[in-house]
PDB file of N, CA and C in Angstrom:
ATOM      1  N   MET A   1     -71.809  25.643-135.960  1.00  0.00           N
ATOM      2  CA  MET A   1     -73.130  25.479-136.512  1.00  0.00           C
ATOM      3  C   MET A   1     -73.023  25.481-138.027  1.00  0.00           C
ATOM      4  N   PHE A   2     -73.697  24.564-138.654  1.00  0.00           N
ATOM      5  CA  PHE A   2     -73.660  24.431-140.100  1.00  0.00           C
ATOM      6  C   PHE A   2     -75.043  24.734-140.672  1.00  0.00           C
ATOM      7  N   ILE A   3     -75.102  25.586-141.654  1.00  0.00           N
ATOM      8  CA  ILE A   3     -76.370  25.934-142.292  1.00  0.00           C
ATOM      9  C   ILE A   3     -76.224  25.699-143.785  1.00  0.00           C
ATOM     10  N   ALA A   4     -77.145  24.950-144.334  1.00  0.00           N
ATOM     11  CA  ALA A   4     -77.155  24.715-145.772  1.00  0.00           C
ATOM     12  C   ALA A   4     -78.307  25.520-146.371  1.00  0.00           C
ATOM     13  N   MET A   5     -78.030  26.270-147.407  1.00  0.00           N
ATOM     14  CA  MET A   5     -79.056  27.075-148.046  1.00  0.00           C
ATOM     15  C   MET A   5     -78.962  26.879-149.554  1.00  0.00           C
ATOM     16  N   TRP A   6     -80.100  26.669-150.158  1.00  0.00           N
ATOM     17  CA  TRP A   6     -80.154  26.478-151.587  1.00  0.00           C
ATOM     18  C   TRP A   6     -80.957  27.619-152.177  1.00  0.00           C
ATOM     19  N   ARG A   7     -80.296  28.510-152.853  1.00  0.00           N
ATOM     20  CA  ARG A   7     -80.962  29.669-153.441  1.00  0.00           C
ATOM     21  C   ARG A   7     -81.418  29.316-154.847  1.00  0.00           C
ATOM     22  N   THR A   8     -82.713  29.550-155.075  1.00  0.00           N
ATOM     23  CA  THR A   8     -83.265  29.271-156.384  1.00  0.00           C
ATOM     24  C   THR A   8     -84.385  30.263-156.681  1.00  0.00           C
ATOM     25  N   LYS A   9     -84.628  30.506-157.938  1.00  0.00           N
ATOM     26  CA  LYS A   9     -85.712  31.404-158.324  1.00  0.00           C
ATOM     27  C   LYS A   9     -86.906  30.606-158.851  1.00  0.00           C
ATOM     28  N   ARG A  10     -86.846  29.332-158.703  1.00  0.00           N
ATOM     29  CA  ARG A  10     -87.854  28.435-159.250  1.00  0.00           C
ATOM     30  C   ARG A  10     -89.240  28.685-158.667  1.00  0.00           C
ATOM     31  N   LEU A  11     -89.344  28.905-157.377  1.00  0.00           N
ATOM     32  CA  LEU A  11     -90.646  29.058-156.736  1.00  0.00           C
ATOM     33  C   LEU A  11     -91.022  30.508-156.445  1.00  0.00           C
ATOM     34  N   LEU A  12     -90.214  31.459-156.873  1.00  0.00           N
ATOM     35  CA  LEU A  12     -90.523  32.857-156.584  1.00  0.00           C
ATOM     36  C   LEU A  12     -91.847  33.293-157.208  1.00  0.00           C
ATOM     37  N   GLY A  13     -92.134  32.828-158.416  1.00  0.00           N
ATOM     38  CA  GLY A  13     -93.405  33.158-159.060  1.00  0.00           C
ATOM     39  C   GLY A  13     -94.580  32.629-158.265  1.00  0.00           C
ATOM     40  N   PHE A  14     -94.463  31.400-157.770  1.00  0.00           N
ATOM     41  CA  PHE A  14     -95.521  30.810-156.948  1.00  0.00           C
ATOM     42  C   PHE A  14     -95.729  31.615-155.672  1.00  0.00           C
ATOM     43  N   ILE A  15     -94.649  31.978-155.014  1.00  0.00           N
ATOM     44  CA  ILE A  15     -94.756  32.750-153.774  1.00  0.00           C
ATOM     45  C   ILE A  15     -95.394  34.108-154.045  1.00  0.00           C
ATOM     46  N   ASP A  16     -95.031  34.742-155.138  1.00  0.00           N
ATOM     47  CA  ASP A  16     -95.635  36.031-155.485  1.00  0.00           C
ATOM     48  C   ASP A  16     -97.136  35.893-155.755  1.00  0.00           C
ATOM     49  N   ARG A  17     -97.531  34.837-156.476  1.00  0.00           N
ATOM     50  CA  ARG A  17     -98.955  34.628-156.753  1.00  0.00           C
ATOM     51  C   ARG A  17     -99.749  34.388-155.471  1.00  0.00           C
ATOM     52  N   VAL A  18     -99.204  33.568-154.590  1.00  0.00           N
ATOM     53  CA  VAL A  18     -99.895  33.271-153.323  1.00  0.00           C
ATOM     54  C   VAL A  18    -100.001  34.534-152.476  1.00  0.00           C
ATOM     55  N   SER A  19     -98.983  35.346-152.476  1.00  0.00           N
ATOM     56  CA  SER A  19     -99.009  36.558-151.647  1.00  0.00           C
ATOM     57  C   SER A  19     -99.979  37.598-152.193  1.00  0.00           C
ATOM     58  N   ARG A  20    -100.227  37.592-153.508  1.00  0.00           N
ATOM     59  CA  ARG A  20    -101.161  38.557-154.099  1.00  0.00           C
ATOM     60  C   ARG A  20    -102.618  38.145-153.953  1.00  0.00           C
ATOM     61  N   ILE A  21    -102.884  36.890-153.640  1.00  0.00           N
ATOM     62  CA  ILE A  21    -104.273  36.418-153.528  1.00  0.00           C
ATOM     63  C   ILE A  21    -105.001  37.161-152.416  1.00  0.00           C
ATOM     64  N   ASN A  22    -104.411  37.220-151.250  1.00  0.00           N
ATOM     65  CA  ASN A  22    -105.053  37.885-150.123  1.00  0.00           C
ATOM     66  C   ASN A  22    -103.978  38.539-149.254  1.00  0.00           C
ATOM     67  N   PRO A  23    -103.538  39.736-149.607  1.00  0.00           N
ATOM     68  CA  PRO A  23    -102.456  40.369-148.838  1.00  0.00           C
ATOM     69  C   PRO A  23    -102.858  40.692-147.401  1.00  0.00           C
ATOM     70  N   ARG A  24    -104.147  40.945-147.164  1.00  0.00           N
ATOM     71  CA  ARG A  24    -104.579  41.253-145.789  1.00  0.00           C
ATOM     72  C   ARG A  24    -104.378  40.041-144.877  1.00  0.00           C
ATOM     73  N   PHE A  25    -104.642  38.829-145.397  1.00  0.00           N
ATOM     74  CA  PHE A  25    -104.425  37.611-144.613  1.00  0.00           C
ATOM     75  C   PHE A  25    -102.976  37.532-144.151  1.00  0.00           C
ATOM     76  N   TRP A  26    -102.040  37.787-145.066  1.00  0.00           N
ATOM     77  CA  TRP A  26    -100.632  37.675-144.712  1.00  0.00           C
ATOM     78  C   TRP A  26    -100.218  38.752-143.716  1.00  0.00           C
ATOM     79  N   LYS A  27    -100.836  39.931-143.798  1.00  0.00           N
ATOM     80  CA  LYS A  27    -100.563  41.000-142.828  1.00  0.00           C
ATOM     81  C   LYS A  27    -101.032  40.574-141.439  1.00  0.00           C
ATOM     82  N   VAL A  28    -102.259  40.033-141.366  1.00  0.00           N
ATOM     83  CA  VAL A  28    -102.792  39.562-140.081  1.00  0.00           C
ATOM     84  C   VAL A  28    -101.960  38.386-139.564  1.00  0.00           C
ATOM     85  N   TYR A  29    -101.603  37.479-140.465  1.00  0.00           N
ATOM     86  CA  TYR A  29    -100.790  36.322-140.096  1.00  0.00           C
ATOM     87  C   TYR A  29     -99.458  36.772-139.490  1.00  0.00           C
ATOM     88  N   ALA A  30     -98.823  37.759-140.086  1.00  0.00           N
ATOM     89  CA  ALA A  30     -97.555  38.275-139.574  1.00  0.00           C
ATOM     90  C   ALA A  30     -97.750  38.951-138.220  1.00  0.00           C
ATOM     91  N   ASP A  31     -98.818  39.740-138.085  1.00  0.00           N
ATOM     92  CA  ASP A  31     -99.071  40.415-136.805  1.00  0.00           C
ATOM     93  C   ASP A  31     -99.337  39.418-135.686  1.00  0.00           C
ATOM     94  N   VAL A  32    -100.119  38.370-135.985  1.00  0.00           N
ATOM     95  CA  VAL A  32    -100.379  37.335-134.983  1.00  0.00           C
ATOM     96  C   VAL A  32     -99.083  36.624-134.610  1.00  0.00           C
ATOM     97  N   GLY A  33     -98.234  36.358-135.585  1.00  0.00           N
ATOM     98  CA  GLY A  33     -96.946  35.719-135.302  1.00  0.00           C
ATOM     99  C   GLY A  33     -96.068  36.561-134.400  1.00  0.00           C
ATOM    100  N   ILE A  34     -96.072  37.875-134.634  1.00  0.00           N
ATOM    101  CA  ILE A  34     -95.275  38.775-133.788  1.00  0.00           C
ATOM    102  C   ILE A  34     -95.811  38.772-132.362  1.00  0.00           C
ATOM    103  N   ILE A  35     -97.139  38.845-132.228  1.00  0.00           N
ATOM    104  CA  ILE A  35     -97.759  38.849-130.894  1.00  0.00           C
ATOM    105  C   ILE A  35     -97.452  37.540-130.165  1.00  0.00           C
ATOM    106  N   LEU A  36     -97.592  36.414-130.858  1.00  0.00           N
ATOM    107  CA  LEU A  36     -97.289  35.125-130.227  1.00  0.00           C
ATOM    108  C   LEU A  36     -95.810  35.017-129.851  1.00  0.00           C
ATOM    109  N   GLY A  37     -94.946  35.595-130.656  1.00  0.00           N
ATOM    110  CA  GLY A  37     -93.519  35.587-130.326  1.00  0.00           C
ATOM    111  C   GLY A  37     -93.229  36.344-129.042  1.00  0.00           C
ATOM    112  N   TYR A  38     -93.835  37.522-128.902  1.00  0.00           N
ATOM    113  CA  TYR A  38     -93.644  38.292-127.662  1.00  0.00           C
ATOM    114  C   TYR A  38     -94.251  37.577-126.467  1.00  0.00           C
ATOM    115  N   MET A  39     -95.422  36.978-126.656  1.00  0.00           N
ATOM    116  CA  MET A  39     -96.033  36.227-125.557  1.00  0.00           C
ATOM    117  C   MET A  39     -95.148  35.058-125.145  1.00  0.00           C
ATOM    118  N   GLY A  40     -94.539  34.404-126.117  1.00  0.00           N
ATOM    119  CA  GLY A  40     -93.625  33.306-125.806  1.00  0.00           C
ATOM    120  C   GLY A  40     -92.405  33.780-125.032  1.00  0.00           C
ATOM    121  N   MET A  41     -91.878  34.938-125.414  1.00  0.00           N
ATOM    122  CA  MET A  41     -90.718  35.474-124.681  1.00  0.00           C
ATOM    123  C   MET A  41     -91.090  35.819-123.244  1.00  0.00           C
ATOM    124  N   VAL A  42     -92.273  36.396-123.044  1.00  0.00           N
ATOM    125  CA  VAL A  42     -92.727  36.733-121.690  1.00  0.00           C
ATOM    126  C   VAL A  42     -92.883  35.464-120.867  1.00  0.00           C
ATOM    127  N   TYR A  43     -93.464  34.410-121.474  1.00  0.00           N
ATOM    128  CA  TYR A  43     -93.644  33.155-120.745  1.00  0.00           C
ATOM    129  C   TYR A  43     -92.300  32.531-120.368  1.00  0.00           C
ATOM    130  N   VAL A  44     -91.356  32.523-121.286  1.00  0.00           N
ATOM    131  CA  VAL A  44     -90.042  31.938-120.993  1.00  0.00           C
ATOM    132  C   VAL A  44     -89.350  32.726-119.884  1.00  0.00           C
ATOM    133  N   PHE A  45     -89.443  34.057-119.922  1.00  0.00           N
ATOM    134  CA  PHE A  45     -88.859  34.873-118.860  1.00  0.00           C
ATOM    135  C   PHE A  45     -89.508  34.546-117.519  1.00  0.00           C
ATOM    136  N   TYR A  46     -90.853  34.418-117.507  1.00  0.00           N
ATOM    137  CA  TYR A  46     -91.577  34.064-116.282  1.00  0.00           C
ATOM    138  C   TYR A  46     -91.131  32.701-115.768  1.00  0.00           C
ATOM    139  N   ALA A  47     -91.036  31.703-116.667  1.00  0.00           N
ATOM    140  CA  ALA A  47     -90.654  30.361-116.250  1.00  0.00           C
ATOM    141  C   ALA A  47     -89.232  30.336-115.690  1.00  0.00           C
ATOM    142  N   LEU A  48     -88.313  31.057-116.320  1.00  0.00           N
ATOM    143  CA  LEU A  48     -86.936  31.107-115.811  1.00  0.00           C
ATOM    144  C   LEU A  48     -86.870  31.801-114.458  1.00  0.00           C
ATOM    145  N   ALA A  49     -87.611  32.912-114.312  1.00  0.00           N
ATOM    146  CA  ALA A  49     -87.612  33.630-113.035  1.00  0.00           C
ATOM    147  C   ALA A  49     -88.223  32.767-111.937  1.00  0.00           C
ATOM    148  N   LYS A  50     -89.313  32.073-112.247  1.00  0.00           N
ATOM    149  CA  LYS A  50     -89.967  31.203-111.264  1.00  0.00           C
ATOM    150  C   LYS A  50     -89.019  30.079-110.823  1.00  0.00           C
ATOM    151  N   THR A  51     -88.321  29.488-111.774  1.00  0.00           N
ATOM    152  CA  THR A  51     -87.379  28.418-111.445  1.00  0.00           C
ATOM    153  C   THR A  51     -86.225  28.953-110.607  1.00  0.00           C
ATOM    154  N   ALA A  52     -85.744  30.145-110.926  1.00  0.00           N
ATOM    155  CA  ALA A  52     -84.641  30.736-110.157  1.00  0.00           C
ATOM    156  C   ALA A  52     -85.076  31.004-108.723  1.00  0.00           C
ATOM    157  N   VAL A  53     -86.290  31.544-108.545  1.00  0.00           N
ATOM    158  CA  VAL A  53     -86.794  31.823-107.196  1.00  0.00           C
ATOM    159  C   VAL A  53     -86.969  30.523-106.426  1.00  0.00           C
ATOM    160  N   GLN A  54     -87.520  29.500-107.048  1.00  0.00           N
ATOM    161  CA  GLN A  54     -87.693  28.217-106.366  1.00  0.00           C
ATOM    162  C   GLN A  54     -86.357  27.608-105.982  1.00  0.00           C
ATOM    163  N   THR A  55     -85.360  27.770-106.836  1.00  0.00           N
ATOM    164  CA  THR A  55     -84.037  27.237-106.541  1.00  0.00           C
ATOM    165  C   THR A  55     -83.412  27.955-105.352  1.00  0.00           C
ATOM    166  N   LEU A  56     -83.581  29.263-105.303  1.00  0.00           N
ATOM    167  CA  LEU A  56     -83.006  30.025-104.202  1.00  0.00           C
ATOM    168  C   LEU A  56     -83.748  29.811-102.891  1.00  0.00           C
ATOM    169  N   GLN A  57     -85.016  29.435-102.954  1.00  0.00           N
ATOM    170  CA  GLN A  57     -85.807  29.247-101.743  1.00  0.00           C
ATOM    171  C   GLN A  57     -85.611  27.875-101.106  1.00  0.00           C
ATOM    172  N   THR A  58     -85.011  26.939-101.784  1.00  0.00           N
ATOM    173  CA  THR A  58     -84.796  25.616-101.201  1.00  0.00           C
ATOM    174  C   THR A  58     -83.612  25.692-100.248  1.00  0.00           C
ATOM    175  N   LYS A  59     -83.907  25.672 -98.970  1.00  0.00           N
ATOM    176  CA  LYS A  59     -82.856  25.764 -97.944  1.00  0.00           C
ATOM    177  C   LYS A  59     -82.594  24.375 -97.380  1.00  0.00           C
ATOM    178  N   GLY A  60     -81.359  23.970 -97.397  1.00  0.00           N
ATOM    179  CA  GLY A  60     -80.966  22.692 -96.816  1.00  0.00           C
ATOM    180  C   GLY A  60     -81.261  21.506 -97.727  1.00  0.00           C
ATOM    181  N   GLN A  61     -81.937  21.728 -98.798  1.00  0.00           N
ATOM    182  CA  GLN A  61     -82.234  20.637 -99.726  1.00  0.00           C
ATOM    183  C   GLN A  61     -81.357  20.813-100.951  1.00  0.00           C
ATOM    184  N   GLN A  62     -80.316  20.064-100.991  1.00  0.00           N
ATOM    185  CA  GLN A  62     -79.416  20.178-102.125  1.00  0.00           C
ATOM    186  C   GLN A  62     -79.653  19.016-103.075  1.00  0.00           C
ATOM    187  N   ALA A  63     -79.775  19.352-104.318  1.00  0.00           N
ATOM    188  CA  ALA A  63     -79.906  18.301-105.319  1.00  0.00           C
ATOM    189  C   ALA A  63     -78.564  17.627-105.486  1.00  0.00           C
ATOM    190  N   GLY A  64     -78.593  16.344-105.656  1.00  0.00           N
ATOM    191  CA  GLY A  64     -77.350  15.610-105.796  1.00  0.00           C
ATOM    192  C   GLY A  64     -77.315  14.835-107.088  1.00  0.00           C
ATOM    193  N   VAL A  65     -76.142  14.422-107.423  1.00  0.00           N
ATOM    194  CA  VAL A  65     -75.940  13.603-108.599  1.00  0.00           C
ATOM    195  C   VAL A  65     -75.566  12.218-108.115  1.00  0.00           C
ATOM    196  N   GLN A  66     -76.214  11.227-108.681  1.00  0.00           N
ATOM    197  CA  GLN A  66     -75.937   9.865-108.259  1.00  0.00           C
ATOM    198  C   GLN A  66     -75.701   9.018-109.496  1.00  0.00           C
ATOM    199  N   LEU A  67     -74.708   8.171-109.429  1.00  0.00           N
ATOM    200  CA  LEU A  67     -74.393   7.264-110.515  1.00  0.00           C
ATOM    201  C   LEU A  67     -75.482   6.200-110.593  1.00  0.00           C
ATOM    202  N   VAL A  68     -76.004   5.988-111.793  1.00  0.00           N
ATOM    203  CA  VAL A  68     -77.047   4.991-111.981  1.00  0.00           C
ATOM    204  C   VAL A  68     -76.513   3.903-112.892  1.00  0.00           C
ATOM    205  N   ILE A  69     -76.421   2.705-112.315  1.00  0.00           N
ATOM    206  CA  ILE A  69     -76.001   1.532-113.078  1.00  0.00           C
ATOM    207  C   ILE A  69     -77.108   0.498-112.914  1.00  0.00           C
ATOM    208  N   PRO A  70     -77.711   0.063-113.988  1.00  0.00           N
ATOM    209  CA  PRO A  70     -78.796  -0.918-113.869  1.00  0.00           C
ATOM    210  C   PRO A  70     -78.335  -2.180-113.147  1.00  0.00           C
ATOM    211  N   GLY A  71     -79.095  -2.564-112.135  1.00  0.00           N
ATOM    212  CA  GLY A  71     -78.791  -3.772-111.380  1.00  0.00           C
ATOM    213  C   GLY A  71     -77.837  -3.566-110.225  1.00  0.00           C
ATOM    214  N   VAL A  72     -77.275  -2.387-110.058  1.00  0.00           N
ATOM    215  CA  VAL A  72     -76.335  -2.112-108.978  1.00  0.00           C
ATOM    216  C   VAL A  72     -76.911  -0.997-108.115  1.00  0.00           C
ATOM    217  N   THR A  73     -76.990  -1.226-106.810  1.00  0.00           N
ATOM    218  CA  THR A  73     -77.509  -0.225-105.885  1.00  0.00           C
ATOM    219  C   THR A  73     -76.347   0.344-105.086  1.00  0.00           C
ATOM    220  N   ILE A  74     -76.191   1.651-105.155  1.00  0.00           N
ATOM    221  CA  ILE A  74     -75.150   2.341-104.398  1.00  0.00           C
ATOM    222  C   ILE A  74     -75.855   3.285-103.431  1.00  0.00           C
ATOM    223  N   PRO A  75     -75.586   3.145-102.120  1.00  0.00           N
ATOM    224  CA  PRO A  75     -76.250   4.022-101.167  1.00  0.00           C
ATOM    225  C   PRO A  75     -75.776   5.467-101.342  1.00  0.00           C
ATOM    226  N   PRO A  76     -76.651   6.451-101.103  1.00  0.00           N
ATOM    227  CA  PRO A  76     -76.247   7.852-101.231  1.00  0.00           C
ATOM    228  C   PRO A  76     -75.186   8.211-100.206  1.00  0.00           C
ATOM    229  N   CYS A  77     -74.355   9.168-100.534  1.00  0.00           N
ATOM    230  CA  CYS A  77     -73.288   9.617 -99.637  1.00  0.00           C
ATOM    231  C   CYS A  77     -73.883  10.266 -98.407  1.00  0.00           C
ATOM    232  N   GLY A  78     -73.188  10.164 -97.312  1.00  0.00           N
ATOM    233  CA  GLY A  78     -73.609  10.814 -96.076  1.00  0.00           C
ATOM    234  C   GLY A  78     -74.499   9.949 -95.193  1.00  0.00           C
ATOM    235  N   THR A  79     -74.836   8.758 -95.642  1.00  0.00           N
ATOM    236  CA  THR A  79     -75.629   7.876 -94.782  1.00  0.00           C
ATOM    237  C   THR A  79     -74.708   6.830 -94.190  1.00  0.00           C
ATOM    238  N   ASP A  80     -74.774   6.675 -92.879  1.00  0.00           N
ATOM    239  CA  ASP A  80     -73.904   5.706 -92.202  1.00  0.00           C
ATOM    240  C   ASP A  80     -74.701   4.525 -91.757  1.00  0.00           C
TER     241      ASP A  80
END
């Protein structure tokens, strides 16, 4: 993984001014972000668990991989 970071002090004054305008807004904004992050983690855990249960409950139905070539039809394996 490659990460490029450019450190500069050019905009620090701007960021400080914006943060001093309404500090309560930024506090609420951060709290909402944290809550949404946890809600997202709960949803992803639910979705993964639901998919795992559905996968384990499929009896006799196996997903297969089939080669797809445009214009060429290959019958699935196991059919005589």
